[in-house]
PDB file of all heavy atoms in Angstrom:
ATOM      1  N   ILE A   1     154.332 120.667 139.222  1.00  0.00           N
ATOM      2  CA  ILE A   1     153.993 120.115 137.908  1.00  0.00           C
ATOM      3  C   ILE A   1     153.152 118.844 138.161  1.00  0.00           C
ATOM      4  O   ILE A   1     153.699 117.798 138.539  1.00  0.00           O
ATOM      5  CB  ILE A   1     155.271 119.766 137.096  1.00  0.00           C
ATOM      6  CG1 ILE A   1     156.133 121.006 136.903  1.00  0.00           C
ATOM      7  CG2 ILE A   1     154.899 119.164 135.749  1.00  0.00           C
ATOM      8  CD1 ILE A   1     157.448 120.779 136.198  1.00  0.00           C
ATOM      9  N   PRO A   2     151.833 118.970 138.023  1.00  0.00           N
ATOM     10  CA  PRO A   2     150.977 117.810 138.347  1.00  0.00           C
ATOM     11  C   PRO A   2     151.316 116.559 137.577  1.00  0.00           C
ATOM     12  O   PRO A   2     151.131 115.436 138.064  1.00  0.00           O
ATOM     13  CB  PRO A   2     149.578 118.316 137.973  1.00  0.00           C
ATOM     14  CG  PRO A   2     149.675 119.805 138.072  1.00  0.00           C
ATOM     15  CD  PRO A   2     151.045 120.151 137.642  1.00  0.00           C
ATOM     16  N   MET A   3     151.868 116.725 136.358  1.00  0.00           N
ATOM     17  CA  MET A   3     152.184 115.586 135.523  1.00  0.00           C
ATOM     18  C   MET A   3     153.235 114.645 136.173  1.00  0.00           C
ATOM     19  O   MET A   3     153.258 113.433 135.932  1.00  0.00           O
ATOM     20  CB  MET A   3     152.676 116.071 134.174  1.00  0.00           C
ATOM     21  CG  MET A   3     153.312 115.093 133.278  1.00  0.00           C
ATOM     22  SD  MET A   3     153.910 115.951 131.796  1.00  0.00           S
ATOM     23  CE  MET A   3     155.066 114.759 131.235  1.00  0.00           C
ATOM     24  N   LEU A   4     154.115 115.208 137.024  1.00  0.00           N
ATOM     25  CA  LEU A   4     155.190 114.428 137.628  1.00  0.00           C
ATOM     26  C   LEU A   4     154.726 113.643 138.844  1.00  0.00           C
ATOM     27  O   LEU A   4     155.472 112.801 139.327  1.00  0.00           O
ATOM     28  CB  LEU A   4     156.335 115.339 138.043  1.00  0.00           C
ATOM     29  CG  LEU A   4     157.004 116.161 136.862  1.00  0.00           C
ATOM     30  CD1 LEU A   4     158.121 117.006 137.417  1.00  0.00           C
ATOM     31  CD2 LEU A   4     157.507 115.224 135.796  1.00  0.00           C
ATOM     32  N   ASP A   5     153.521 113.877 139.334  1.00  0.00           N
ATOM     33  CA  ASP A   5     153.025 113.173 140.504  1.00  0.00           C
ATOM     34  C   ASP A   5     152.201 111.951 140.021  1.00  0.00           C
ATOM     35  O   ASP A   5     151.104 112.116 139.453  1.00  0.00           O
ATOM     36  CB  ASP A   5     152.134 114.127 141.359  1.00  0.00           C
ATOM     37  CG  ASP A   5     151.766 113.457 142.665  1.00  0.00           C
ATOM     38  OD1 ASP A   5     152.132 112.291 142.893  1.00  0.00           O
ATOM     39  OD2 ASP A   5     151.112 114.157 143.497  1.00  0.00           O
ATOM     40  N   PRO A   6     152.698 110.737 140.226  1.00  0.00           N
ATOM     41  CA  PRO A   6     151.942 109.580 139.721  1.00  0.00           C
ATOM     42  C   PRO A   6     150.645 109.348 140.467  1.00  0.00           C
ATOM     43  O   PRO A   6     149.767 108.608 139.977  1.00  0.00           O
ATOM     44  CB  PRO A   6     152.945 108.410 139.990  1.00  0.00           C
ATOM     45  CG  PRO A   6     153.815 108.869 141.113  1.00  0.00           C
ATOM     46  CD  PRO A   6     153.946 110.358 140.923  1.00  0.00           C
ATOM     47  N   TYR A   7     150.450 109.977 141.641  1.00  0.00           N
ATOM     48  CA  TYR A   7     149.214 109.792 142.393  1.00  0.00           C
ATOM     49  C   TYR A   7     148.227 110.895 142.131  1.00  0.00           C
ATOM     50  O   TYR A   7     147.088 110.856 142.628  1.00  0.00           O
ATOM     51  CB  TYR A   7     149.524 109.730 143.912  1.00  0.00           C
ATOM     52  CG  TYR A   7     150.488 108.635 144.277  1.00  0.00           C
ATOM     53  CD1 TYR A   7     151.838 108.915 144.491  1.00  0.00           C
ATOM     54  CD2 TYR A   7     150.050 107.318 144.426  1.00  0.00           C
ATOM     55  CE1 TYR A   7     152.700 107.900 144.830  1.00  0.00           C
ATOM     56  CE2 TYR A   7     150.933 106.303 144.754  1.00  0.00           C
ATOM     57  CZ  TYR A   7     152.254 106.600 144.964  1.00  0.00           C
ATOM     58  OH  TYR A   7     153.135 105.607 145.262  1.00  0.00           O
ATOM     59  N   ARG A   8     148.614 111.911 141.371  1.00  0.00           N
ATOM     60  CA  ARG A   8     147.726 113.066 141.212  1.00  0.00           C
ATOM     61  C   ARG A   8     146.443 112.707 140.440  1.00  0.00           C
ATOM     62  O   ARG A   8     145.410 113.334 140.657  1.00  0.00           O
ATOM     63  CB  ARG A   8     148.489 114.170 140.484  1.00  0.00           C
ATOM     64  CG  ARG A   8     147.806 115.549 140.502  1.00  0.00           C
ATOM     65  CD  ARG A   8     147.817 116.131 141.900  1.00  0.00           C
ATOM     66  NE  ARG A   8     149.145 116.345 142.385  1.00  0.00           N
ATOM     67  CZ  ARG A   8     149.846 117.436 142.220  1.00  0.00           C
ATOM     68  NH1 ARG A   8     149.350 118.460 141.547  1.00  0.00           N
ATOM     69  NH2 ARG A   8     151.072 117.525 142.723  1.00  0.00           N
ATOM     70  N   LYS A   9     146.529 111.705 139.551  1.00  0.00           N
ATOM     71  CA  LYS A   9     145.333 111.364 138.775  1.00  0.00           C
ATOM     72  C   LYS A   9     144.242 110.735 139.645  1.00  0.00           C
ATOM     73  O   LYS A   9     143.096 110.691 139.215  1.00  0.00           O
ATOM     74  CB  LYS A   9     145.730 110.410 137.636  1.00  0.00           C
ATOM     75  CG  LYS A   9     146.342 109.113 138.115  1.00  0.00           C
ATOM     76  CD  LYS A   9     146.741 108.289 136.922  1.00  0.00           C
ATOM     77  CE  LYS A   9     147.416 106.996 137.348  1.00  0.00           C
ATOM     78  NZ  LYS A   9     147.865 106.173 136.198  1.00  0.00           N
ATOM     79  N   GLU A  10     144.637 110.258 140.818  1.00  0.00           N
ATOM     80  CA  GLU A  10     143.628 109.699 141.722  1.00  0.00           C
ATOM     81  C   GLU A  10     143.137 110.692 142.776  1.00  0.00           C
ATOM     82  O   GLU A  10     142.274 110.351 143.564  1.00  0.00           O
ATOM     83  CB  GLU A  10     144.237 108.442 142.433  1.00  0.00           C
ATOM     84  CG  GLU A  10     144.654 107.381 141.467  1.00  0.00           C
ATOM     85  CD  GLU A  10     145.204 106.155 142.190  1.00  0.00           C
ATOM     86  OE1 GLU A  10     144.839 106.001 143.386  1.00  0.00           O
ATOM     87  OE2 GLU A  10     145.918 105.341 141.571  1.00  0.00           O
ATOM     88  N   MET A  11     143.735 111.863 142.756  1.00  0.00           N
ATOM     89  CA  MET A  11     143.321 112.864 143.729  1.00  0.00           C
ATOM     90  C   MET A  11     142.170 113.745 143.128  1.00  0.00           C
ATOM     91  O   MET A  11     142.106 113.957 141.953  1.00  0.00           O
ATOM     92  CB  MET A  11     144.491 113.818 144.065  1.00  0.00           C
ATOM     93  CG  MET A  11     145.657 113.139 144.735  1.00  0.00           C
ATOM     94  SD  MET A  11     146.975 114.297 145.144  1.00  0.00           S
ATOM     95  CE  MET A  11     148.224 113.207 145.757  1.00  0.00           C
ATOM     96  N   THR A  12     141.341 114.169 144.013  1.00  0.00           N
ATOM     97  CA  THR A  12     140.225 115.073 143.619  1.00  0.00           C
ATOM     98  C   THR A  12     140.305 116.285 144.539  1.00  0.00           C
ATOM     99  O   THR A  12     139.977 116.172 145.728  1.00  0.00           O
ATOM    100  CB  THR A  12     138.872 114.363 143.745  1.00  0.00           C
ATOM    101  OG1 THR A  12     138.734 113.858 145.074  1.00  0.00           O
ATOM    102  CG2 THR A  12     138.768 113.215 142.775  1.00  0.00           C
ATOM    103  N   THR A  13     140.748 117.402 143.995  1.00  0.00           N
ATOM    104  CA  THR A  13     140.874 118.624 144.792  1.00  0.00           C
ATOM    105  C   THR A  13     139.803 119.598 144.385  1.00  0.00           C
ATOM    106  O   THR A  13     139.704 119.998 143.239  1.00  0.00           O
ATOM    107  CB  THR A  13     142.255 119.291 144.557  1.00  0.00           C
ATOM    108  OG1 THR A  13     143.273 118.289 144.819  1.00  0.00           O
ATOM    109  CG2 THR A  13     142.427 120.486 145.431  1.00  0.00           C
ATOM    110  N   LYS A  14     138.921 119.932 145.347  1.00  0.00           N
ATOM    111  CA  LYS A  14     137.827 120.847 145.039  1.00  0.00           C
ATOM    112  C   LYS A  14     138.352 122.309 145.074  1.00  0.00           C
ATOM    113  O   LYS A  14     139.077 122.686 145.959  1.00  0.00           O
ATOM    114  CB  LYS A  14     136.711 120.716 146.065  1.00  0.00           C
ATOM    115  CG  LYS A  14     136.029 119.337 145.981  1.00  0.00           C
ATOM    116  CD  LYS A  14     134.860 119.295 146.942  1.00  0.00           C
ATOM    117  CE  LYS A  14     134.152 117.951 146.836  1.00  0.00           C
ATOM    118  NZ  LYS A  14     132.981 117.881 147.716  1.00  0.00           N
ATOM    119  N   THR A  15     137.947 123.059 144.094  1.00  0.00           N
ATOM    120  CA  THR A  15     138.359 124.459 144.071  1.00  0.00           C
ATOM    121  C   THR A  15     137.536 125.244 145.098  1.00  0.00           C
ATOM    122  O   THR A  15     136.414 124.936 145.412  1.00  0.00           O
ATOM    123  CB  THR A  15     138.079 125.079 142.662  1.00  0.00           C
ATOM    124  OG1 THR A  15     136.698 124.919 142.350  1.00  0.00           O
ATOM    125  CG2 THR A  15     138.886 124.347 141.606  1.00  0.00           C
ATOM    126  N   ALA A  16     138.117 126.310 145.604  1.00  0.00           N
ATOM    127  CA  ALA A  16     137.475 127.074 146.665  1.00  0.00           C
ATOM    128  C   ALA A  16     136.312 127.919 146.145  1.00  0.00           C
ATOM    129  O   ALA A  16     135.449 128.336 146.942  1.00  0.00           O
ATOM    130  CB  ALA A  16     138.509 127.992 147.317  1.00  0.00           C
ATOM    131  N   VAL A  17     136.230 128.186 144.839  1.00  0.00           N
ATOM    132  CA  VAL A  17     135.188 129.052 144.331  1.00  0.00           C
ATOM    133  C   VAL A  17     133.969 128.282 143.862  1.00  0.00           C
ATOM    134  O   VAL A  17     132.863 128.482 144.349  1.00  0.00           O
ATOM    135  CB  VAL A  17     135.767 129.895 143.172  1.00  0.00           C
ATOM    136  CG1 VAL A  17     134.690 130.824 142.580  1.00  0.00           C
ATOM    137  CG2 VAL A  17     136.963 130.732 143.673  1.00  0.00           C
ATOM    138  N   SER A  18     134.187 127.399 142.896  1.00  0.00           N
ATOM    139  CA  SER A  18     133.035 126.754 142.259  1.00  0.00           C
ATOM    140  C   SER A  18     132.654 125.444 142.871  1.00  0.00           C
ATOM    141  O   SER A  18     131.544 124.938 142.662  1.00  0.00           O
ATOM    142  CB  SER A  18     133.362 126.528 140.769  1.00  0.00           C
ATOM    143  OG  SER A  18     134.461 125.698 140.661  1.00  0.00           O
ATOM    144  N   GLY A  19     133.574 124.826 143.605  1.00  0.00           N
ATOM    145  CA  GLY A  19     133.271 123.506 144.205  1.00  0.00           C
ATOM    146  C   GLY A  19     133.394 122.412 143.192  1.00  0.00           C
ATOM    147  O   GLY A  19     133.083 121.271 143.519  1.00  0.00           O
ATOM    148  N   ALA A  20     133.861 122.663 142.008  1.00  0.00           N
ATOM    149  CA  ALA A  20     134.005 121.624 140.989  1.00  0.00           C
ATOM    150  C   ALA A  20     135.279 120.851 141.245  1.00  0.00           C
ATOM    151  O   ALA A  20     136.183 121.279 141.947  1.00  0.00           O
ATOM    152  CB  ALA A  20     134.030 122.260 139.591  1.00  0.00           C
ATOM    153  N   ILE A  21     135.361 119.714 140.642  1.00  0.00           N
ATOM    154  CA  ILE A  21     136.518 118.853 140.802  1.00  0.00           C
ATOM    155  C   ILE A  21     137.574 119.229 139.733  1.00  0.00           C
ATOM    156  O   ILE A  21     137.266 119.285 138.549  1.00  0.00           O
ATOM    157  CB  ILE A  21     136.149 117.352 140.662  1.00  0.00           C
ATOM    158  CG1 ILE A  21     135.181 116.977 141.786  1.00  0.00           C
ATOM    159  CG2 ILE A  21     137.387 116.472 140.647  1.00  0.00           C
ATOM    160  CD1 ILE A  21     134.680 115.576 141.678  1.00  0.00           C
ATOM    161  N   GLN A  22     138.802 119.498 140.178  1.00  0.00           N
ATOM    162  CA  GLN A  22     139.831 119.864 139.284  1.00  0.00           C
ATOM    163  C   GLN A  22     140.611 118.638 138.825  1.00  0.00           C
ATOM    164  O   GLN A  22     141.066 117.837 139.658  1.00  0.00           O
ATOM    165  CB  GLN A  22     140.816 120.847 139.970  1.00  0.00           C
ATOM    166  CG  GLN A  22     141.881 121.360 139.053  1.00  0.00           C
ATOM    167  CD  GLN A  22     142.775 122.383 139.792  1.00  0.00           C
ATOM    168  OE1 GLN A  22     142.563 122.597 140.964  1.00  0.00           O
ATOM    169  NE2 GLN A  22     143.725 122.922 139.077  1.00  0.00           N
ATOM    170  N   THR A  23     140.683 118.456 137.580  1.00  0.00           N
ATOM    171  CA  THR A  23     141.370 117.237 137.037  1.00  0.00           C
ATOM    172  C   THR A  23     142.563 117.705 136.196  1.00  0.00           C
ATOM    173  O   THR A  23     142.595 118.805 135.678  1.00  0.00           O
ATOM    174  CB  THR A  23     140.410 116.403 136.193  1.00  0.00           C
ATOM    175  OG1 THR A  23     139.949 117.202 135.076  1.00  0.00           O
ATOM    176  CG2 THR A  23     139.232 115.927 136.987  1.00  0.00           C
ATOM    177  N   PHE A  24     143.507 116.785 136.047  1.00  0.00           N
ATOM    178  CA  PHE A  24     144.688 117.040 135.238  1.00  0.00           C
ATOM    179  C   PHE A  24     144.746 115.990 134.139  1.00  0.00           C
ATOM    180  O   PHE A  24     144.374 114.870 134.333  1.00  0.00           O
ATOM    181  CB  PHE A  24     145.935 116.975 136.099  1.00  0.00           C
ATOM    182  CG  PHE A  24     145.913 117.998 137.243  1.00  0.00           C
ATOM    183  CD1 PHE A  24     145.590 117.586 138.525  1.00  0.00           C
ATOM    184  CD2 PHE A  24     146.314 119.273 137.007  1.00  0.00           C
ATOM    185  CE1 PHE A  24     145.546 118.478 139.563  1.00  0.00           C
ATOM    186  CE2 PHE A  24     146.278 120.199 138.056  1.00  0.00           C
ATOM    187  CZ  PHE A  24     145.925 119.801 139.325  1.00  0.00           C
ATOM    188  N   SER A  25     145.278 116.419 132.980  1.00  0.00           N
ATOM    189  CA  SER A  25     145.346 115.514 131.838  1.00  0.00           C
ATOM    190  C   SER A  25     146.630 114.694 131.947  1.00  0.00           C
ATOM    191  O   SER A  25     147.691 115.257 132.197  1.00  0.00           O
ATOM    192  CB  SER A  25     145.344 116.292 130.532  1.00  0.00           C
ATOM    193  OG  SER A  25     146.436 117.185 130.516  1.00  0.00           O
ATOM    194  N   TYR A  26     146.526 113.403 131.763  1.00  0.00           N
ATOM    195  CA  TYR A  26     147.679 112.513 131.853  1.00  0.00           C
ATOM    196  C   TYR A  26     147.870 111.761 130.562  1.00  0.00           C
ATOM    197  O   TYR A  26     146.910 111.605 129.787  1.00  0.00           O
ATOM    198  CB  TYR A  26     147.524 111.508 132.994  1.00  0.00           C
ATOM    199  CG  TYR A  26     147.626 112.198 134.354  1.00  0.00           C
ATOM    200  CD1 TYR A  26     146.454 112.712 134.955  1.00  0.00           C
ATOM    201  CD2 TYR A  26     148.834 112.354 134.979  1.00  0.00           C
ATOM    202  CE1 TYR A  26     146.532 113.355 136.183  1.00  0.00           C
ATOM    203  CE2 TYR A  26     148.877 113.007 136.216  1.00  0.00           C
ATOM    204  CZ  TYR A  26     147.766 113.464 136.789  1.00  0.00           C
ATOM    205  OH  TYR A  26     147.834 114.121 137.996  1.00  0.00           O
ATOM    206  N   GLY A  27     149.057 111.292 130.321  1.00  0.00           N
ATOM    207  CA  GLY A  27     149.346 110.587 129.063  1.00  0.00           C
ATOM    208  C   GLY A  27     149.798 111.559 127.964  1.00  0.00           C
ATOM    209  O   GLY A  27     150.275 111.121 126.931  1.00  0.00           O
ATOM    210  N   GLN A  28     149.655 112.865 128.180  1.00  0.00           N
ATOM    211  CA  GLN A  28     150.110 113.841 127.183  1.00  0.00           C
ATOM    212  C   GLN A  28     151.506 114.322 127.589  1.00  0.00           C
ATOM    213  O   GLN A  28     151.661 115.358 128.182  1.00  0.00           O
ATOM    214  CB  GLN A  28     149.114 115.012 127.121  1.00  0.00           C
ATOM    215  CG  GLN A  28     147.689 114.626 126.761  1.00  0.00           C
ATOM    216  CD  GLN A  28     147.567 114.044 125.400  1.00  0.00           C
ATOM    217  OE1 GLN A  28     148.324 114.363 124.476  1.00  0.00           O
ATOM    218  NE2 GLN A  28     146.594 113.176 125.202  1.00  0.00           N
ATOM    219  N   ASP A  29     152.498 113.493 127.307  1.00  0.00           N
ATOM    220  CA  ASP A  29     153.844 113.784 127.748  1.00  0.00           C
ATOM    221  C   ASP A  29     154.484 114.917 126.970  1.00  0.00           C
ATOM    222  O   ASP A  29     155.519 115.456 127.371  1.00  0.00           O
ATOM    223  CB  ASP A  29     154.728 112.520 127.624  1.00  0.00           C
ATOM    224  CG  ASP A  29     154.291 111.476 128.637  1.00  0.00           C
ATOM    225  OD1 ASP A  29     153.624 111.853 129.604  1.00  0.00           O
ATOM    226  OD2 ASP A  29     154.599 110.291 128.439  1.00  0.00           O
ATOM    227  N   LEU A  30     153.926 115.298 125.827  1.00  0.00           N
ATOM    228  CA  LEU A  30     154.562 116.337 125.002  1.00  0.00           C
ATOM    229  C   LEU A  30     154.348 117.709 125.607  1.00  0.00           C
ATOM    230  O   LEU A  30     155.194 118.596 125.410  1.00  0.00           O
ATOM    231  CB  LEU A  30     153.996 116.304 123.579  1.00  0.00           C
ATOM    232  CG  LEU A  30     154.259 115.016 122.818  1.00  0.00           C
ATOM    233  CD1 LEU A  30     153.635 115.091 121.420  1.00  0.00           C
ATOM    234  CD2 LEU A  30     155.746 114.734 122.669  1.00  0.00           C
ATOM    235  N   GLN A  31     153.234 117.936 126.316  1.00  0.00           N
ATOM    236  CA  GLN A  31     152.975 119.229 126.937  1.00  0.00           C
ATOM    237  C   GLN A  31     152.572 119.005 128.383  1.00  0.00           C
ATOM    238  O   GLN A  31     152.084 117.941 128.763  1.00  0.00           O
ATOM    239  CB  GLN A  31     151.849 119.942 126.173  1.00  0.00           C
ATOM    240  CG  GLN A  31     152.238 120.377 124.757  1.00  0.00           C
ATOM    241  CD  GLN A  31     151.105 121.041 124.036  1.00  0.00           C
ATOM    242  OE1 GLN A  31     149.931 120.842 124.362  1.00  0.00           O
ATOM    243  NE2 GLN A  31     151.431 121.787 123.014  1.00  0.00           N
ATOM    244  N   PHE A  32     152.730 120.065 129.190  1.00  0.00           N
ATOM    245  CA  PHE A  32     152.357 119.914 130.594  1.00  0.00           C
ATOM    246  C   PHE A  32     151.901 121.285 131.111  1.00  0.00           C
ATOM    247  O   PHE A  32     152.056 122.297 130.444  1.00  0.00           O
ATOM    248  CB  PHE A  32     153.564 119.410 131.413  1.00  0.00           C
ATOM    249  CG  PHE A  32     154.667 120.418 131.571  1.00  0.00           C
ATOM    250  CD1 PHE A  32     154.800 121.215 132.728  1.00  0.00           C
ATOM    251  CD2 PHE A  32     155.597 120.585 130.549  1.00  0.00           C
ATOM    252  CE1 PHE A  32     155.817 122.105 132.855  1.00  0.00           C
ATOM    253  CE2 PHE A  32     156.635 121.521 130.692  1.00  0.00           C
ATOM    254  CZ  PHE A  32     156.722 122.263 131.853  1.00  0.00           C
ATOM    255  N   GLU A  33     151.281 121.218 132.275  1.00  0.00           N
ATOM    256  CA  GLU A  33     150.840 122.473 132.946  1.00  0.00           C
ATOM    257  C   GLU A  33     151.589 122.567 134.260  1.00  0.00           C
ATOM    258  O   GLU A  33     152.016 121.567 134.838  1.00  0.00           O
ATOM    259  CB  GLU A  33     149.337 122.457 133.166  1.00  0.00           C
ATOM    260  CG  GLU A  33     148.811 121.282 133.907  1.00  0.00           C
ATOM    261  CD  GLU A  33     147.284 121.276 134.003  1.00  0.00           C
ATOM    262  OE1 GLU A  33     146.652 122.177 133.474  1.00  0.00           O
ATOM    263  OE2 GLU A  33     146.774 120.369 134.617  1.00  0.00           O
ATOM    264  N   ALA A  34     151.726 123.781 134.744  1.00  0.00           N
ATOM    265  CA  ALA A  34     152.527 123.988 135.924  1.00  0.00           C
ATOM    266  C   ALA A  34     152.038 125.212 136.711  1.00  0.00           C
ATOM    267  O   ALA A  34     151.355 126.094 136.153  1.00  0.00           O
ATOM    268  CB  ALA A  34     154.005 124.213 135.545  1.00  0.00           C
ATOM    269  N   TYR A  35     152.399 125.250 138.003  1.00  0.00           N
ATOM    270  CA  TYR A  35     152.116 126.359 138.902  1.00  0.00           C
ATOM    271  C   TYR A  35     153.435 126.865 139.456  1.00  0.00           C
ATOM    272  O   TYR A  35     154.270 126.081 139.881  1.00  0.00           O
ATOM    273  CB  TYR A  35     151.188 125.920 140.033  1.00  0.00           C
ATOM    274  CG  TYR A  35     149.807 125.515 139.612  1.00  0.00           C
ATOM    275  CD1 TYR A  35     149.573 124.201 139.201  1.00  0.00           C
ATOM    276  CD2 TYR A  35     148.743 126.403 139.648  1.00  0.00           C
ATOM    277  CE1 TYR A  35     148.302 123.793 138.817  1.00  0.00           C
ATOM    278  CE2 TYR A  35     147.480 126.004 139.264  1.00  0.00           C
ATOM    279  CZ  TYR A  35     147.247 124.725 138.844  1.00  0.00           C
ATOM    280  OH  TYR A  35     145.996 124.335 138.482  1.00  0.00           O
ATOM    281  N   VAL A  36     153.596 128.185 139.403  1.00  0.00           N
ATOM    282  CA  VAL A  36     154.805 128.815 139.939  1.00  0.00           C
ATOM    283  C   VAL A  36     154.385 129.881 140.969  1.00  0.00           C
ATOM    284  O   VAL A  36     153.636 130.799 140.591  1.00  0.00           O
ATOM    285  CB  VAL A  36     155.659 129.453 138.791  1.00  0.00           C
ATOM    286  CG1 VAL A  36     156.911 130.094 139.406  1.00  0.00           C
ATOM    287  CG2 VAL A  36     156.024 128.422 137.738  1.00  0.00           C
ATOM    288  N   GLN A  37     154.886 129.749 142.197  1.00  0.00           N
ATOM    289  CA  GLN A  37     154.524 130.710 143.243  1.00  0.00           C
ATOM    290  C   GLN A  37     155.791 131.476 143.644  1.00  0.00           C
ATOM    291  O   GLN A  37     156.808 130.895 143.974  1.00  0.00           O
ATOM    292  CB  GLN A  37     153.943 129.964 144.456  1.00  0.00           C
ATOM    293  CG  GLN A  37     153.393 130.897 145.501  1.00  0.00           C
ATOM    294  CD  GLN A  37     152.778 130.106 146.658  1.00  0.00           C
ATOM    295  OE1 GLN A  37     153.511 129.612 147.507  1.00  0.00           O
ATOM    296  NE2 GLN A  37     151.461 129.978 146.666  1.00  0.00           N
ATOM    297  N   PHE A  38     155.633 132.842 143.644  1.00  0.00           N
ATOM    298  CA  PHE A  38     156.752 133.707 144.013  1.00  0.00           C
ATOM    299  C   PHE A  38     156.664 134.122 145.454  1.00  0.00           C
ATOM    300  O   PHE A  38     155.604 134.091 146.075  1.00  0.00           O
ATOM    301  CB  PHE A  38     156.744 134.976 143.134  1.00  0.00           C
ATOM    302  CG  PHE A  38     157.068 134.702 141.683  1.00  0.00           C
ATOM    303  CD1 PHE A  38     156.046 134.490 140.753  1.00  0.00           C
ATOM    304  CD2 PHE A  38     158.394 134.610 141.246  1.00  0.00           C
ATOM    305  CE1 PHE A  38     156.353 134.237 139.411  1.00  0.00           C
ATOM    306  CE2 PHE A  38     158.671 134.352 139.938  1.00  0.00           C
ATOM    307  CZ  PHE A  38     157.672 134.170 139.007  1.00  0.00           C
ATOM    308  N   MET A  39     157.826 134.518 145.978  1.00  0.00           N
ATOM    309  CA  MET A  39     157.905 134.981 147.366  1.00  0.00           C
ATOM    310  C   MET A  39     157.286 136.364 147.520  1.00  0.00           C
ATOM    311  O   MET A  39     156.617 136.668 148.499  1.00  0.00           O
ATOM    312  CB  MET A  39     159.352 135.007 147.816  1.00  0.00           C
ATOM    313  CG  MET A  39     160.023 133.629 147.875  1.00  0.00           C
ATOM    314  SD  MET A  39     159.466 132.590 149.201  1.00  0.00           S
ATOM    315  CE  MET A  39     160.164 133.461 150.615  1.00  0.00           C
ATOM    316  N   GLU A  40     157.467 137.225 146.516  1.00  0.00           N
ATOM    317  CA  GLU A  40     157.056 138.600 146.610  1.00  0.00           C
ATOM    318  C   GLU A  40     156.083 138.944 145.468  1.00  0.00           C
ATOM    319  O   GLU A  40     156.143 138.376 144.386  1.00  0.00           O
ATOM    320  CB  GLU A  40     158.266 139.576 146.578  1.00  0.00           C
ATOM    321  CG  GLU A  40     159.188 139.343 147.738  1.00  0.00           C
ATOM    322  CD  GLU A  40     160.392 140.305 147.668  1.00  0.00           C
ATOM    323  OE1 GLU A  40     160.419 141.083 146.698  1.00  0.00           O
ATOM    324  OE2 GLU A  40     161.239 140.240 148.577  1.00  0.00           O
ATOM    325  N   TYR A  41     155.242 139.937 145.750  1.00  0.00           N
ATOM    326  CA  TYR A  41     154.246 140.357 144.718  1.00  0.00           C
ATOM    327  C   TYR A  41     154.943 140.993 143.518  1.00  0.00           C
ATOM    328  O   TYR A  41     154.498 140.787 142.401  1.00  0.00           O
ATOM    329  CB  TYR A  41     153.307 141.391 145.408  1.00  0.00           C
ATOM    330  CG  TYR A  41     152.314 142.011 144.429  1.00  0.00           C
ATOM    331  CD1 TYR A  41     151.267 141.283 143.900  1.00  0.00           C
ATOM    332  CD2 TYR A  41     152.463 143.375 144.079  1.00  0.00           C
ATOM    333  CE1 TYR A  41     150.396 141.899 143.029  1.00  0.00           C
ATOM    334  CE2 TYR A  41     151.599 143.955 143.216  1.00  0.00           C
ATOM    335  CZ  TYR A  41     150.537 143.234 142.702  1.00  0.00           C
ATOM    336  OH  TYR A  41     149.658 143.808 141.807  1.00  0.00           O
ATOM    337  N   ILE A  42     156.035 141.734 143.745  1.00  0.00           N
ATOM    338  CA  ILE A  42     156.694 142.402 142.610  1.00  0.00           C
ATOM    339  C   ILE A  42     157.275 141.409 141.622  1.00  0.00           C
ATOM    340  O   ILE A  42     157.291 141.625 140.444  1.00  0.00           O
ATOM    341  CB  ILE A  42     157.799 143.371 143.140  1.00  0.00           C
ATOM    342  CG1 ILE A  42     158.356 144.208 141.993  1.00  0.00           C
ATOM    343  CG2 ILE A  42     158.882 142.600 143.856  1.00  0.00           C
ATOM    344  CD1 ILE A  42     157.366 145.128 141.386  1.00  0.00           C
ATOM    345  N   SER A  43     157.731 140.251 142.138  1.00  0.00           N
ATOM    346  CA  SER A  43     158.267 139.222 141.245  1.00  0.00           C
ATOM    347  C   SER A  43     157.138 138.642 140.365  1.00  0.00           C
ATOM    348  O   SER A  43     157.287 138.384 139.182  1.00  0.00           O
ATOM    349  CB  SER A  43     158.910 138.093 142.056  1.00  0.00           C
ATOM    350  OG  SER A  43     159.924 138.613 142.842  1.00  0.00           O
ATOM    351  N   PHE A  44     155.967 138.431 140.995  1.00  0.00           N
ATOM    352  CA  PHE A  44     154.798 137.970 140.251  1.00  0.00           C
ATOM    353  C   PHE A  44     154.422 138.963 139.152  1.00  0.00           C
ATOM    354  O   PHE A  44     154.144 138.571 138.025  1.00  0.00           O
ATOM    355  CB  PHE A  44     153.627 137.769 141.246  1.00  0.00           C
ATOM    356  CG  PHE A  44     152.309 137.533 140.587  1.00  0.00           C
ATOM    357  CD1 PHE A  44     151.961 136.289 140.084  1.00  0.00           C
ATOM    358  CD2 PHE A  44     151.364 138.562 140.439  1.00  0.00           C
ATOM    359  CE1 PHE A  44     150.732 136.082 139.487  1.00  0.00           C
ATOM    360  CE2 PHE A  44     150.175 138.349 139.824  1.00  0.00           C
ATOM    361  CZ  PHE A  44     149.828 137.098 139.336  1.00  0.00           C
TER     362      PHE A  44
END
């Protein structure tokens, strides 16, 4: 959950495809974005 990392707003992670800078929105505590990674393909 990028919102929980206080240092994430200062990080710049380039995506592997487009080379653009991926940014996360901060200050919007009512909603958040998240990444969930499964162990197996069937779970995904």
